[in-house]
């Protein structure tokens, strides 16, 4: 029986085809993996929203406070700890795409003096909600258009909130929001508990749009938009 072996050229062609197919598939697999991580992150924020609703039902319809304006010894009252009884896992506060290596172990936290060196969560709340007149769920005119929490970049440590009222240029939010963590977008939790994945400009654009001001969202109200 005659048996014909592959020639070197034929083997090289087969290898080239396999390499081409792998090259085509890898980006798709990478995007699928990233989409799965983004879904977990969205689930984290969705569960945070549910925890907030349960917390509010037991605390006079108030949102849980952040560390903004609260003394360090009141850490059990900060939203990260205050919502824990309504969550099933501490992974609720960490996005799977967050590569930070200095996450705080809230079960066994280090001395208070060292807290500034640790990352408290993948997410931060909107500090505008810490003002007394906006700290209730029923005090926000348009909660479905107002952002309550966002993702933060790994560089943010020693904080659990952001200050949108201190943003003045289009680049300012990029230092505080992980605006491109999920294929150019980020996940956001609204004051009414729903979540969305958006590009940063859809949430804050000087002179045009501001979903961060609980009093005026989604419109822009002035030069500093307070």
N, C-alpha and C. Protein backbone atom coordinates (compact mmCIF):
# COMPACT_ATOMS: atom_id res chain seq x y z
N UNK A 1 0.86 -1.21 0.00
CA UNK A 1 0.00 0.00 0.00
C UNK A 1 0.89 1.24 0.00
N UNK A 2 0.56 2.19 -0.88
CA UNK A 2 1.32 3.43 -0.93
C UNK A 2 0.82 4.39 0.16
N UNK A 3 1.73 4.89 0.91
CA UNK A 3 1.40 5.86 1.96
C UNK A 3 2.16 7.15 1.67
N UNK A 4 1.40 8.23 1.61
CA UNK A 4 2.01 9.51 1.30
C UNK A 4 2.10 10.35 2.56
N UNK A 5 3.28 10.74 2.93
CA UNK A 5 3.49 11.57 4.11
C UNK A 5 3.30 13.04 3.78
N UNK A 6 3.01 13.85 4.82
CA UNK A 6 2.91 15.29 4.63
C UNK A 6 4.28 15.84 4.25
N UNK A 7 4.27 16.77 3.33
CA UNK A 7 5.52 17.45 3.00
C UNK A 7 5.73 18.58 4.00
N UNK A 8 6.92 19.10 4.04
CA UNK A 8 7.23 20.20 4.96
C UNK A 8 6.34 21.41 4.67
N UNK A 9 6.10 21.68 3.40
CA UNK A 9 5.25 22.82 3.03
C UNK A 9 3.84 22.63 3.55
N UNK A 10 3.31 21.42 3.41
CA UNK A 10 1.96 21.15 3.88
C UNK A 10 1.87 21.30 5.40
N UNK A 11 2.88 20.82 6.11
CA UNK A 11 2.88 20.96 7.57
C UNK A 11 2.92 22.44 7.98
N UNK A 12 3.72 23.22 7.26
CA UNK A 12 3.81 24.65 7.56
C UNK A 12 2.48 25.35 7.29
N UNK A 13 1.80 24.92 6.24
CA UNK A 13 0.50 25.50 5.93
C UNK A 13 -0.51 25.19 7.04
N UNK A 14 -0.52 23.92 7.51
CA UNK A 14 -1.41 23.52 8.59
C UNK A 14 -1.12 24.33 9.86
N UNK A 15 0.17 24.46 10.19
CA UNK A 15 0.56 25.23 11.38
C UNK A 15 0.12 26.68 11.24
N UNK A 16 0.27 27.24 10.05
CA UNK A 16 -0.11 28.63 9.82
C UNK A 16 -1.61 28.82 9.99
N UNK A 17 -2.38 27.85 9.48
CA UNK A 17 -3.84 27.93 9.61
C UNK A 17 -4.25 27.85 11.07
N UNK A 18 -3.63 26.93 11.81
CA UNK A 18 -3.94 26.80 13.24
C UNK A 18 -3.60 28.09 13.98
N UNK A 19 -2.43 28.66 13.67
CA UNK A 19 -2.02 29.91 14.31
C UNK A 19 -3.00 31.03 13.98
N UNK A 20 -3.47 31.06 12.73
CA UNK A 20 -4.44 32.08 12.34
C UNK A 20 -5.74 31.93 13.10
N UNK A 21 -6.21 30.69 13.23
CA UNK A 21 -7.45 30.45 13.96
C UNK A 21 -7.32 30.84 15.42
N UNK A 22 -6.17 30.50 16.01
CA UNK A 22 -5.92 30.87 17.42
C UNK A 22 -5.91 32.37 17.56
N UNK A 23 -5.26 33.04 16.60
CA UNK A 23 -5.20 34.50 16.65
C UNK A 23 -6.57 35.14 16.56
N UNK A 24 -7.46 34.50 15.81
CA UNK A 24 -8.83 35.02 15.67
C UNK A 24 -9.63 34.75 16.94
N UNK A 25 -9.42 33.58 17.54
CA UNK A 25 -10.23 33.17 18.68
C UNK A 25 -9.81 33.84 19.99
N UNK A 26 -8.52 34.08 20.18
CA UNK A 26 -8.04 34.62 21.46
C UNK A 26 -8.69 35.95 21.82
N UNK A 27 -8.76 36.93 20.90
CA UNK A 27 -9.44 38.18 21.28
C UNK A 27 -10.89 37.97 21.67
N UNK A 28 -11.57 37.07 20.95
CA UNK A 28 -12.97 36.79 21.28
C UNK A 28 -13.08 36.16 22.66
N UNK A 29 -12.17 35.23 22.97
CA UNK A 29 -12.18 34.60 24.29
C UNK A 29 -11.86 35.62 25.38
N UNK A 30 -10.92 36.53 25.06
CA UNK A 30 -10.56 37.56 26.03
C UNK A 30 -11.74 38.48 26.31
N UNK A 31 -12.46 38.86 25.25
CA UNK A 31 -13.63 39.71 25.44
C UNK A 31 -14.72 38.99 26.22
N UNK A 32 -14.87 37.70 25.96
CA UNK A 32 -15.87 36.92 26.69
C UNK A 32 -15.52 36.85 28.17
N UNK A 33 -14.22 36.68 28.45
CA UNK A 33 -13.77 36.62 29.84
C UNK A 33 -14.00 37.95 30.53
N UNK A 34 -13.70 39.04 29.83
CA UNK A 34 -13.91 40.36 30.40
C UNK A 34 -15.40 40.63 30.61
N UNK A 35 -16.23 40.18 29.67
CA UNK A 35 -17.67 40.36 29.82
C UNK A 35 -18.19 39.62 31.05
N UNK A 36 -17.63 38.44 31.31
CA UNK A 36 -18.04 37.67 32.48
C UNK A 36 -17.65 38.40 33.77
N UNK A 37 -16.45 38.97 33.78
CA UNK A 37 -16.01 39.73 34.95
C UNK A 37 -16.87 40.97 35.16
N UNK A 38 -17.20 41.64 34.08
CA UNK A 38 -18.05 42.82 34.18
C UNK A 38 -19.42 42.45 34.72
N UNK A 39 -19.91 41.27 34.37
CA UNK A 39 -21.21 40.80 34.86
C UNK A 39 -21.16 40.56 36.36
N UNK A 40 -20.05 39.99 36.84
CA UNK A 40 -19.89 39.79 38.29
C UNK A 40 -19.87 41.14 39.00
N UNK A 41 -19.18 42.11 38.40
CA UNK A 41 -19.12 43.45 38.99
C UNK A 41 -20.51 44.07 39.04
N UNK A 42 -21.26 43.93 37.96
CA UNK A 42 -22.64 44.43 37.95
C UNK A 42 -23.47 43.76 39.04
N UNK A 43 -23.25 42.46 39.22
CA UNK A 43 -23.97 41.73 40.26
C UNK A 43 -23.60 42.27 41.65
N UNK A 44 -22.31 42.60 41.84
CA UNK A 44 -21.89 43.18 43.11
C UNK A 44 -22.68 44.45 43.41
N UNK A 45 -22.76 45.32 42.41
CA UNK A 45 -23.46 46.59 42.61
C UNK A 45 -24.96 46.38 42.76
N UNK A 46 -25.50 45.42 42.04
CA UNK A 46 -26.93 45.11 42.19
C UNK A 46 -27.22 44.66 43.63
N UNK A 47 -26.36 43.81 44.15
CA UNK A 47 -26.55 43.34 45.53
C UNK A 47 -26.33 44.46 46.54
N UNK A 48 -25.42 45.37 46.21
CA UNK A 48 -25.24 46.54 47.06
C UNK A 48 -26.50 47.37 47.10
N UNK A 49 -27.13 47.54 45.93
CA UNK A 49 -28.38 48.28 45.87
C UNK A 49 -29.47 47.64 46.70
N UNK A 50 -29.56 46.31 46.63
CA UNK A 50 -30.56 45.59 47.43
C UNK A 50 -30.26 45.75 48.92
N UNK A 51 -28.96 45.69 49.28
CA UNK A 51 -28.57 45.85 50.68
C UNK A 51 -28.93 47.24 51.18
N UNK A 52 -28.76 48.24 50.33
CA UNK A 52 -29.10 49.61 50.71
C UNK A 52 -30.60 49.73 50.99
N UNK A 53 -31.42 49.10 50.16
CA UNK A 53 -32.85 49.16 50.37
C UNK A 53 -33.23 48.53 51.71
N UNK A 54 -32.60 47.39 52.03
CA UNK A 54 -32.88 46.73 53.31
C UNK A 54 -32.38 47.55 54.48
N UNK A 55 -31.20 48.16 54.30
CA UNK A 55 -30.65 49.03 55.35
C UNK A 55 -31.59 50.21 55.58
N UNK A 56 -32.05 50.83 54.51
CA UNK A 56 -32.92 52.00 54.64
C UNK A 56 -34.23 51.65 55.34
N UNK A 57 -34.75 50.47 55.06
CA UNK A 57 -36.00 50.06 55.71
C UNK A 57 -35.86 49.98 57.22
N UNK A 58 -34.64 49.75 57.69
CA UNK A 58 -34.41 49.62 59.13
C UNK A 58 -33.76 50.86 59.74
N UNK A 59 -33.49 51.87 58.92
CA UNK A 59 -32.80 53.07 59.42
C UNK A 59 -33.48 54.35 58.94
N UNK A 60 -34.78 54.40 59.10
CA UNK A 60 -35.50 55.63 58.81
C UNK A 60 -35.40 56.12 57.39
N UNK A 61 -35.27 55.20 56.44
CA UNK A 61 -35.20 55.54 55.02
C UNK A 61 -33.92 56.29 54.64
N UNK A 62 -32.87 56.16 55.45
CA UNK A 62 -31.61 56.84 55.18
C UNK A 62 -30.64 55.93 54.42
N UNK A 63 -29.85 56.56 53.57
CA UNK A 63 -28.73 55.85 52.95
C UNK A 63 -27.65 55.62 54.01
N UNK A 64 -26.86 54.57 53.89
CA UNK A 64 -25.75 54.39 54.84
C UNK A 64 -24.68 55.44 54.57
N UNK A 65 -24.07 56.00 55.60
CA UNK A 65 -23.07 57.05 55.39
C UNK A 65 -21.73 56.48 54.94
N UNK A 66 -20.92 57.35 54.37
CA UNK A 66 -19.54 56.98 54.06
C UNK A 66 -18.66 57.53 55.17
N UNK A 67 -17.35 57.42 55.01
CA UNK A 67 -16.44 57.94 56.02
C UNK A 67 -16.32 59.46 55.94
N UNK A 68 -16.95 60.06 54.93
CA UNK A 68 -16.90 61.52 54.78
C UNK A 68 -17.60 62.20 55.96
N UNK A 69 -16.86 62.92 56.74
CA UNK A 69 -17.44 63.63 57.87
C UNK A 69 -17.61 62.81 59.13
N UNK A 70 -17.33 61.51 59.06
CA UNK A 70 -17.45 60.67 60.26
C UNK A 70 -16.07 60.39 60.84
N UNK A 71 -16.01 60.30 62.14
CA UNK A 71 -14.75 60.01 62.81
C UNK A 71 -14.35 58.56 62.54
N UNK A 72 -13.05 58.31 62.54
CA UNK A 72 -12.54 56.98 62.23
C UNK A 72 -13.09 55.89 63.15
N UNK A 73 -13.38 56.24 64.40
CA UNK A 73 -13.85 55.21 65.33
C UNK A 73 -15.30 54.81 65.05
N UNK A 74 -15.91 55.45 64.04
CA UNK A 74 -17.28 55.09 63.67
C UNK A 74 -17.29 54.22 62.43
N UNK A 75 -16.20 53.51 62.18
CA UNK A 75 -16.08 52.71 60.95
C UNK A 75 -17.18 51.67 60.82
N UNK A 76 -17.71 51.21 61.92
CA UNK A 76 -18.78 50.22 61.83
C UNK A 76 -20.04 50.81 61.20
N UNK A 77 -20.12 52.16 61.15
CA UNK A 77 -21.27 52.81 60.56
C UNK A 77 -21.07 53.15 59.09
N UNK A 78 -19.86 53.07 58.60
CA UNK A 78 -19.62 53.37 57.19
C UNK A 78 -20.32 52.33 56.33
N UNK A 79 -20.67 52.71 55.12
CA UNK A 79 -21.48 51.84 54.27
C UNK A 79 -20.83 50.47 54.07
N UNK A 80 -19.51 50.41 53.99
CA UNK A 80 -18.83 49.13 53.75
C UNK A 80 -19.15 48.13 54.85
N UNK A 81 -19.20 48.61 56.08
CA UNK A 81 -19.52 47.72 57.19
C UNK A 81 -21.01 47.70 57.50
N UNK A 82 -21.66 48.84 57.32
CA UNK A 82 -23.09 48.93 57.67
C UNK A 82 -23.94 48.02 56.79
N UNK A 83 -23.52 47.79 55.55
CA UNK A 83 -24.29 46.94 54.64
C UNK A 83 -23.96 45.46 54.77
N UNK A 84 -22.87 45.16 55.48
CA UNK A 84 -22.42 43.78 55.55
C UNK A 84 -23.48 42.81 56.09
N UNK A 85 -24.28 43.20 57.10
CA UNK A 85 -25.31 42.27 57.59
C UNK A 85 -26.35 41.89 56.52
N UNK A 86 -26.43 42.69 55.46
CA UNK A 86 -27.42 42.42 54.41
C UNK A 86 -26.79 41.77 53.18
N UNK A 87 -25.49 41.43 53.28
CA UNK A 87 -24.78 40.79 52.18
C UNK A 87 -24.35 39.40 52.59
N UNK A 88 -24.06 38.57 51.60
CA UNK A 88 -23.66 37.19 51.88
C UNK A 88 -22.15 36.98 51.84
N UNK A 89 -21.41 37.93 51.27
CA UNK A 89 -19.97 37.78 51.16
C UNK A 89 -19.29 39.13 51.06
N UNK A 90 -18.07 39.22 51.51
CA UNK A 90 -17.31 40.46 51.40
C UNK A 90 -16.84 40.70 49.97
N UNK A 91 -16.92 39.70 49.12
CA UNK A 91 -16.57 39.90 47.71
C UNK A 91 -17.57 40.86 47.06
N UNK A 92 -18.64 41.16 47.77
CA UNK A 92 -19.60 42.14 47.31
C UNK A 92 -18.91 43.46 47.01
N UNK A 93 -17.80 43.73 47.69
CA UNK A 93 -17.15 45.02 47.58
C UNK A 93 -15.89 44.98 46.73
N UNK A 94 -15.68 43.88 45.98
CA UNK A 94 -14.49 43.80 45.13
C UNK A 94 -14.86 43.34 43.73
N UNK A 95 -14.44 44.13 42.75
CA UNK A 95 -14.65 43.77 41.35
C UNK A 95 -13.58 42.76 40.95
N UNK A 96 -13.92 41.70 40.21
CA UNK A 96 -12.92 40.71 39.81
C UNK A 96 -11.84 41.26 38.90
N UNK A 97 -12.06 42.45 38.32
CA UNK A 97 -11.02 43.09 37.50
C UNK A 97 -10.09 43.98 38.32
N UNK A 98 -10.40 44.15 39.59
CA UNK A 98 -9.58 44.99 40.47
C UNK A 98 -8.31 44.24 40.85
N UNK A 99 -7.16 44.75 40.43
CA UNK A 99 -5.88 44.08 40.65
C UNK A 99 -5.12 44.58 41.88
N UNK A 100 -5.75 45.40 42.70
CA UNK A 100 -5.07 45.94 43.89
C UNK A 100 -4.63 44.82 44.82
N UNK A 101 -3.47 44.98 45.43
CA UNK A 101 -2.91 43.96 46.33
C UNK A 101 -2.99 44.38 47.80
N UNK A 102 -3.57 45.52 48.08
CA UNK A 102 -3.59 46.02 49.45
C UNK A 102 -5.01 46.16 49.98
N UNK A 103 -5.87 45.20 49.67
CA UNK A 103 -7.25 45.28 50.13
C UNK A 103 -7.33 45.12 51.65
N UNK A 104 -8.17 45.95 52.24
CA UNK A 104 -8.41 45.90 53.68
C UNK A 104 -9.16 44.62 54.04
N UNK A 105 -8.72 43.96 55.10
CA UNK A 105 -9.47 42.85 55.66
C UNK A 105 -10.33 43.42 56.78
N UNK A 106 -11.59 43.72 56.44
CA UNK A 106 -12.45 44.36 57.42
C UNK A 106 -12.81 43.44 58.57
N UNK A 107 -12.62 42.14 58.40
CA UNK A 107 -12.87 41.21 59.50
C UNK A 107 -11.78 41.34 60.57
N UNK A 108 -10.55 41.63 60.12
CA UNK A 108 -9.43 41.83 61.03
C UNK A 108 -8.61 43.03 60.54
N UNK A 109 -9.14 44.23 60.67
CA UNK A 109 -8.45 45.41 60.14
C UNK A 109 -7.16 45.72 60.89
N UNK A 110 -6.21 46.34 60.21
CA UNK A 110 -4.97 46.75 60.86
C UNK A 110 -5.21 47.95 61.76
N UNK A 111 -4.20 48.42 62.47
CA UNK A 111 -4.37 49.63 63.29
C UNK A 111 -4.87 50.80 62.45
N UNK A 112 -5.70 51.64 63.06
CA UNK A 112 -6.33 52.75 62.34
C UNK A 112 -5.30 53.62 61.64
N UNK A 113 -4.14 53.80 62.24
CA UNK A 113 -3.10 54.65 61.66
C UNK A 113 -2.63 54.15 60.30
N UNK A 114 -2.89 52.88 60.00
CA UNK A 114 -2.43 52.29 58.74
C UNK A 114 -3.53 52.23 57.67
N UNK A 115 -4.72 52.63 58.02
CA UNK A 115 -5.84 52.47 57.10
C UNK A 115 -5.63 53.22 55.78
N UNK A 116 -4.92 54.33 55.85
CA UNK A 116 -4.69 55.12 54.64
C UNK A 116 -3.86 54.41 53.60
N UNK A 117 -3.21 53.30 53.98
CA UNK A 117 -2.37 52.54 53.05
C UNK A 117 -3.14 51.41 52.37
N UNK A 118 -4.39 51.22 52.76
CA UNK A 118 -5.15 50.09 52.25
C UNK A 118 -6.28 50.53 51.33
N UNK A 119 -6.64 49.63 50.44
CA UNK A 119 -7.79 49.85 49.56
C UNK A 119 -9.01 49.27 50.26
N UNK A 120 -10.04 50.07 50.45
CA UNK A 120 -11.18 49.65 51.25
C UNK A 120 -12.21 48.88 50.44
N UNK A 121 -12.32 49.19 49.16
CA UNK A 121 -13.30 48.52 48.30
C UNK A 121 -13.02 48.89 46.85
N UNK A 122 -13.62 48.16 45.93
CA UNK A 122 -13.51 48.49 44.50
C UNK A 122 -14.46 49.62 44.14
N UNK A 123 -15.34 49.98 45.07
CA UNK A 123 -16.40 50.94 44.80
C UNK A 123 -16.37 52.07 45.82
N UNK A 124 -16.89 53.20 45.42
CA UNK A 124 -17.04 54.34 46.32
C UNK A 124 -18.42 54.94 46.15
N UNK A 125 -18.94 55.50 47.23
CA UNK A 125 -20.23 56.16 47.15
C UNK A 125 -20.05 57.64 46.82
N UNK A 126 -21.12 58.24 46.39
CA UNK A 126 -21.16 59.66 46.05
C UNK A 126 -21.30 60.45 47.35
N UNK A 127 -20.26 61.21 47.72
CA UNK A 127 -20.26 61.92 49.00
C UNK A 127 -21.38 62.95 49.12
N UNK A 128 -22.00 63.32 47.99
CA UNK A 128 -23.10 64.27 48.08
C UNK A 128 -24.25 63.70 48.91
N UNK A 129 -24.33 62.39 49.00
CA UNK A 129 -25.42 61.76 49.77
C UNK A 129 -25.14 61.79 51.28
N UNK A 130 -23.96 62.25 51.67
CA UNK A 130 -23.66 62.34 53.09
C UNK A 130 -24.20 63.62 53.71
N UNK A 131 -24.59 64.58 52.84
CA UNK A 131 -25.21 65.79 53.38
C UNK A 131 -26.60 65.44 53.91
N UNK A 132 -26.92 65.93 55.07
CA UNK A 132 -28.15 65.55 55.77
C UNK A 132 -29.39 65.70 54.90
N UNK A 133 -29.47 66.79 54.14
CA UNK A 133 -30.68 67.03 53.36
C UNK A 133 -30.84 66.06 52.19
N UNK A 134 -29.79 65.27 51.89
CA UNK A 134 -29.85 64.33 50.78
C UNK A 134 -29.63 62.89 51.24
N UNK A 135 -29.62 62.67 52.53
CA UNK A 135 -29.27 61.36 53.04
C UNK A 135 -30.44 60.38 53.09
N UNK A 136 -31.63 60.84 52.70
CA UNK A 136 -32.80 59.97 52.69
C UNK A 136 -33.15 59.56 51.26
N UNK A 137 -33.67 58.35 51.13
CA UNK A 137 -34.05 57.86 49.80
C UNK A 137 -35.11 58.74 49.15
N UNK A 138 -36.01 59.30 49.96
CA UNK A 138 -37.09 60.10 49.40
C UNK A 138 -36.73 61.57 49.24
N UNK A 139 -35.45 61.92 49.47
CA UNK A 139 -35.02 63.31 49.35
C UNK A 139 -34.41 63.63 48.00
N UNK A 140 -34.20 62.61 47.17
CA UNK A 140 -33.57 62.80 45.87
C UNK A 140 -34.66 62.95 44.81
N UNK A 141 -34.70 64.08 44.10
CA UNK A 141 -35.78 64.32 43.14
C UNK A 141 -35.89 63.26 42.04
N UNK A 142 -34.76 62.86 41.48
CA UNK A 142 -34.78 61.89 40.40
C UNK A 142 -33.75 60.78 40.67
N UNK A 143 -34.06 59.87 41.59
CA UNK A 143 -33.10 58.83 41.96
C UNK A 143 -32.70 57.91 40.82
N UNK A 144 -33.57 57.75 39.82
CA UNK A 144 -33.24 56.87 38.70
C UNK A 144 -32.25 57.53 37.74
N UNK A 145 -31.95 58.80 37.96
CA UNK A 145 -30.99 59.53 37.12
C UNK A 145 -29.80 60.03 37.93
N UNK A 146 -29.66 59.54 39.16
CA UNK A 146 -28.61 60.03 40.05
C UNK A 146 -27.71 58.89 40.51
N UNK A 147 -26.42 59.04 40.29
CA UNK A 147 -25.46 57.99 40.64
C UNK A 147 -25.15 58.02 42.13
N UNK A 148 -25.30 56.86 42.76
CA UNK A 148 -24.99 56.73 44.18
C UNK A 148 -23.60 56.15 44.41
N UNK A 149 -23.18 55.21 43.57
CA UNK A 149 -21.87 54.58 43.76
C UNK A 149 -21.24 54.27 42.41
N UNK A 150 -19.90 54.22 42.41
CA UNK A 150 -19.16 53.98 41.18
C UNK A 150 -17.96 53.08 41.47
N UNK A 151 -17.31 52.64 40.42
CA UNK A 151 -16.05 51.91 40.55
C UNK A 151 -14.90 52.92 40.68
N UNK A 152 -13.89 52.54 41.43
CA UNK A 152 -12.73 53.42 41.57
C UNK A 152 -11.46 52.70 41.12
N UNK A 153 -10.47 53.44 40.62
CA UNK A 153 -9.22 52.83 40.17
C UNK A 153 -8.41 52.28 41.34
N UNK A 154 -7.48 51.38 41.05
CA UNK A 154 -6.66 50.74 42.08
C UNK A 154 -5.84 51.75 42.88
N UNK A 155 -5.61 52.93 42.32
CA UNK A 155 -4.80 53.94 43.00
C UNK A 155 -5.52 54.59 44.17
N UNK A 156 -6.84 54.40 44.25
CA UNK A 156 -7.62 55.00 45.33
C UNK A 156 -7.51 54.12 46.58
N UNK A 157 -6.88 54.65 47.62
CA UNK A 157 -6.73 53.94 48.89
C UNK A 157 -7.18 54.85 50.02
N UNK A 158 -7.53 54.25 51.14
CA UNK A 158 -7.91 55.03 52.31
C UNK A 158 -9.16 55.87 52.12
N UNK A 159 -10.08 55.43 51.26
CA UNK A 159 -11.30 56.21 51.02
C UNK A 159 -12.42 55.28 50.58
N UNK A 160 -13.66 55.69 50.86
CA UNK A 160 -14.82 54.91 50.44
C UNK A 160 -15.87 55.79 49.77
N UNK A 161 -15.44 56.99 49.29
CA UNK A 161 -16.36 57.91 48.66
C UNK A 161 -15.60 58.81 47.68
N UNK A 162 -16.35 59.41 46.77
CA UNK A 162 -15.78 60.38 45.84
C UNK A 162 -16.51 61.71 46.01
N UNK A 163 -15.86 62.80 45.58
CA UNK A 163 -16.43 64.14 45.71
C UNK A 163 -16.65 64.76 44.33
N UNK A 164 -17.76 64.47 43.68
CA UNK A 164 -18.02 65.03 42.35
C UNK A 164 -18.09 66.54 42.33
N UNK A 165 -18.44 67.15 43.47
CA UNK A 165 -18.53 68.61 43.50
C UNK A 165 -17.16 69.27 43.35
N UNK A 166 -16.10 68.48 43.41
CA UNK A 166 -14.74 68.99 43.24
C UNK A 166 -14.20 68.75 41.83
N UNK A 167 -15.05 68.26 40.95
CA UNK A 167 -14.64 68.08 39.56
C UNK A 167 -14.94 69.36 38.79
N UNK A 168 -13.94 69.84 38.06
CA UNK A 168 -14.11 71.07 37.30
C UNK A 168 -13.82 70.89 35.81
N UNK A 169 -12.83 70.08 35.49
CA UNK A 169 -12.51 69.84 34.08
C UNK A 169 -12.96 68.44 33.69
N UNK A 170 -12.98 68.17 32.40
CA UNK A 170 -13.43 66.88 31.90
C UNK A 170 -12.54 65.74 32.33
N UNK A 171 -11.29 66.05 32.71
CA UNK A 171 -10.35 64.99 33.11
C UNK A 171 -10.40 64.70 34.61
N UNK A 172 -10.98 65.57 35.42
CA UNK A 172 -10.98 65.37 36.87
C UNK A 172 -11.60 64.05 37.31
N UNK A 173 -12.76 63.65 36.77
CA UNK A 173 -13.36 62.39 37.24
C UNK A 173 -12.51 61.16 36.95
N UNK A 174 -11.64 61.24 35.94
CA UNK A 174 -10.83 60.08 35.56
C UNK A 174 -9.83 59.70 36.64
N UNK A 175 -9.55 60.62 37.56
CA UNK A 175 -8.65 60.31 38.68
C UNK A 175 -9.37 59.61 39.81
N UNK A 176 -10.70 59.61 39.77
CA UNK A 176 -11.48 59.05 40.88
C UNK A 176 -12.41 57.92 40.48
N UNK A 177 -12.67 57.78 39.18
CA UNK A 177 -13.58 56.76 38.69
C UNK A 177 -12.83 55.83 37.75
N UNK A 178 -13.00 54.52 37.95
CA UNK A 178 -12.39 53.54 37.04
C UNK A 178 -13.23 53.50 35.76
N UNK A 179 -13.13 54.58 35.01
CA UNK A 179 -14.07 54.85 33.92
C UNK A 179 -13.94 53.90 32.73
N UNK A 180 -12.81 53.22 32.60
CA UNK A 180 -12.61 52.35 31.43
C UNK A 180 -12.27 50.92 31.83
N UNK A 181 -12.66 50.52 33.01
CA UNK A 181 -12.29 49.19 33.52
C UNK A 181 -12.90 48.06 32.70
N UNK A 182 -14.07 48.27 32.16
CA UNK A 182 -14.76 47.21 31.42
C UNK A 182 -14.91 47.61 29.96
N UNK A 183 -13.86 47.36 29.19
CA UNK A 183 -13.88 47.64 27.75
C UNK A 183 -14.32 49.07 27.45
N UNK A 184 -13.71 50.00 28.17
CA UNK A 184 -13.97 51.42 27.93
C UNK A 184 -15.14 51.98 28.71
N UNK A 185 -15.78 51.16 29.54
CA UNK A 185 -16.91 51.62 30.33
C UNK A 185 -16.70 51.27 31.80
N UNK A 186 -17.63 51.70 32.63
CA UNK A 186 -17.61 51.35 34.05
C UNK A 186 -19.04 51.10 34.51
N UNK A 187 -19.16 50.44 35.64
CA UNK A 187 -20.48 50.13 36.19
C UNK A 187 -20.86 51.16 37.26
N UNK A 188 -22.13 51.51 37.28
CA UNK A 188 -22.61 52.53 38.22
C UNK A 188 -23.89 52.05 38.91
N UNK A 189 -24.03 52.41 40.17
CA UNK A 189 -25.23 52.12 40.94
C UNK A 189 -25.99 53.43 41.15
N UNK A 190 -27.27 53.43 40.80
CA UNK A 190 -28.08 54.63 40.93
C UNK A 190 -28.78 54.68 42.29
N UNK A 191 -29.26 55.84 42.62
CA UNK A 191 -29.89 56.05 43.93
C UNK A 191 -31.16 55.23 44.12
N UNK A 192 -31.78 54.80 43.03
CA UNK A 192 -32.99 54.00 43.17
C UNK A 192 -32.68 52.50 43.21
N UNK A 193 -31.38 52.15 43.11
CA UNK A 193 -30.97 50.75 43.22
C UNK A 193 -30.68 50.06 41.90
N UNK A 194 -31.00 50.66 40.77
CA UNK A 194 -30.70 50.01 39.50
C UNK A 194 -29.26 50.29 39.09
N UNK A 195 -28.74 49.50 38.17
CA UNK A 195 -27.34 49.61 37.76
C UNK A 195 -27.26 49.81 36.25
N UNK A 196 -26.11 50.33 35.81
CA UNK A 196 -25.91 50.54 34.39
C UNK A 196 -24.41 50.56 34.11
N UNK A 197 -24.06 50.24 32.87
CA UNK A 197 -22.67 50.30 32.42
C UNK A 197 -22.57 51.40 31.38
N UNK A 198 -21.74 52.41 31.64
CA UNK A 198 -21.71 53.61 30.81
C UNK A 198 -20.29 54.09 30.56
N UNK A 199 -20.13 54.89 29.51
CA UNK A 199 -18.90 55.64 29.34
C UNK A 199 -18.99 56.85 30.26
N UNK A 200 -17.86 57.34 30.71
CA UNK A 200 -17.85 58.41 31.71
C UNK A 200 -18.61 59.64 31.25
N UNK A 201 -18.47 59.99 29.97
CA UNK A 201 -19.11 61.20 29.46
C UNK A 201 -20.63 61.14 29.52
N UNK A 202 -21.19 59.95 29.63
CA UNK A 202 -22.64 59.83 29.77
C UNK A 202 -23.09 60.15 31.19
N UNK A 203 -22.14 60.22 32.13
CA UNK A 203 -22.48 60.53 33.52
C UNK A 203 -22.09 61.94 33.91
N UNK A 204 -21.06 62.49 33.27
CA UNK A 204 -20.56 63.82 33.66
C UNK A 204 -19.86 64.48 32.49
N UNK A 205 -20.45 65.53 32.00
CA UNK A 205 -19.86 66.29 30.89
C UNK A 205 -20.06 67.77 31.19
N UNK A 206 -18.97 68.50 31.45
CA UNK A 206 -19.09 69.91 31.86
C UNK A 206 -20.01 70.71 30.95
N UNK A 207 -20.95 71.39 31.59
CA UNK A 207 -21.87 72.24 30.88
C UNK A 207 -23.03 71.53 30.22
N UNK A 208 -23.03 70.20 30.27
CA UNK A 208 -24.07 69.47 29.54
C UNK A 208 -24.81 68.44 30.39
N UNK A 209 -24.09 67.64 31.16
CA UNK A 209 -24.74 66.51 31.83
C UNK A 209 -24.07 66.24 33.18
N UNK A 210 -24.86 65.95 34.18
CA UNK A 210 -24.33 65.62 35.49
C UNK A 210 -25.29 64.69 36.23
N UNK A 211 -24.91 63.43 36.32
CA UNK A 211 -25.73 62.46 37.04
C UNK A 211 -25.28 62.31 38.49
N UNK A 212 -24.38 63.19 38.93
CA UNK A 212 -23.79 63.06 40.26
C UNK A 212 -24.36 64.05 41.27
N UNK A 213 -25.12 65.02 40.83
CA UNK A 213 -25.70 66.03 41.71
C UNK A 213 -27.12 65.61 42.08
N UNK A 214 -27.33 65.11 43.29
CA UNK A 214 -28.67 64.61 43.66
C UNK A 214 -29.77 65.66 43.55
N UNK A 215 -29.41 66.93 43.65
CA UNK A 215 -30.43 67.98 43.60
C UNK A 215 -30.88 68.27 42.17
N UNK A 216 -29.96 68.15 41.22
CA UNK A 216 -30.25 68.63 39.86
C UNK A 216 -30.17 67.55 38.78
N UNK A 217 -29.64 66.37 39.07
CA UNK A 217 -29.46 65.34 38.04
C UNK A 217 -30.77 65.09 37.30
N UNK A 218 -30.68 64.91 35.98
CA UNK A 218 -29.47 64.70 35.17
C UNK A 218 -28.96 65.96 34.46
N UNK A 219 -29.50 67.14 34.80
CA UNK A 219 -29.10 68.36 34.09
C UNK A 219 -27.88 69.00 34.73
N UNK A 220 -27.29 69.93 34.03
CA UNK A 220 -26.16 70.71 34.54
C UNK A 220 -26.70 72.02 35.07
N UNK A 221 -26.41 72.37 36.33
CA UNK A 221 -27.09 73.49 36.96
C UNK A 221 -26.27 74.77 37.04
N UNK A 222 -24.96 74.72 36.78
CA UNK A 222 -24.18 75.94 36.90
C UNK A 222 -22.71 75.67 36.70
N UNK A 223 -21.87 76.71 36.78
CA UNK A 223 -20.43 76.57 36.53
C UNK A 223 -19.77 75.48 37.37
N UNK A 224 -20.11 75.42 38.66
CA UNK A 224 -19.55 74.39 39.54
C UNK A 224 -20.54 73.27 39.79
N UNK A 225 -21.76 73.48 39.37
CA UNK A 225 -22.82 72.48 39.48
C UNK A 225 -22.98 71.94 40.90
N UNK A 226 -23.05 72.81 41.86
CA UNK A 226 -23.23 72.37 43.24
C UNK A 226 -24.66 71.96 43.49
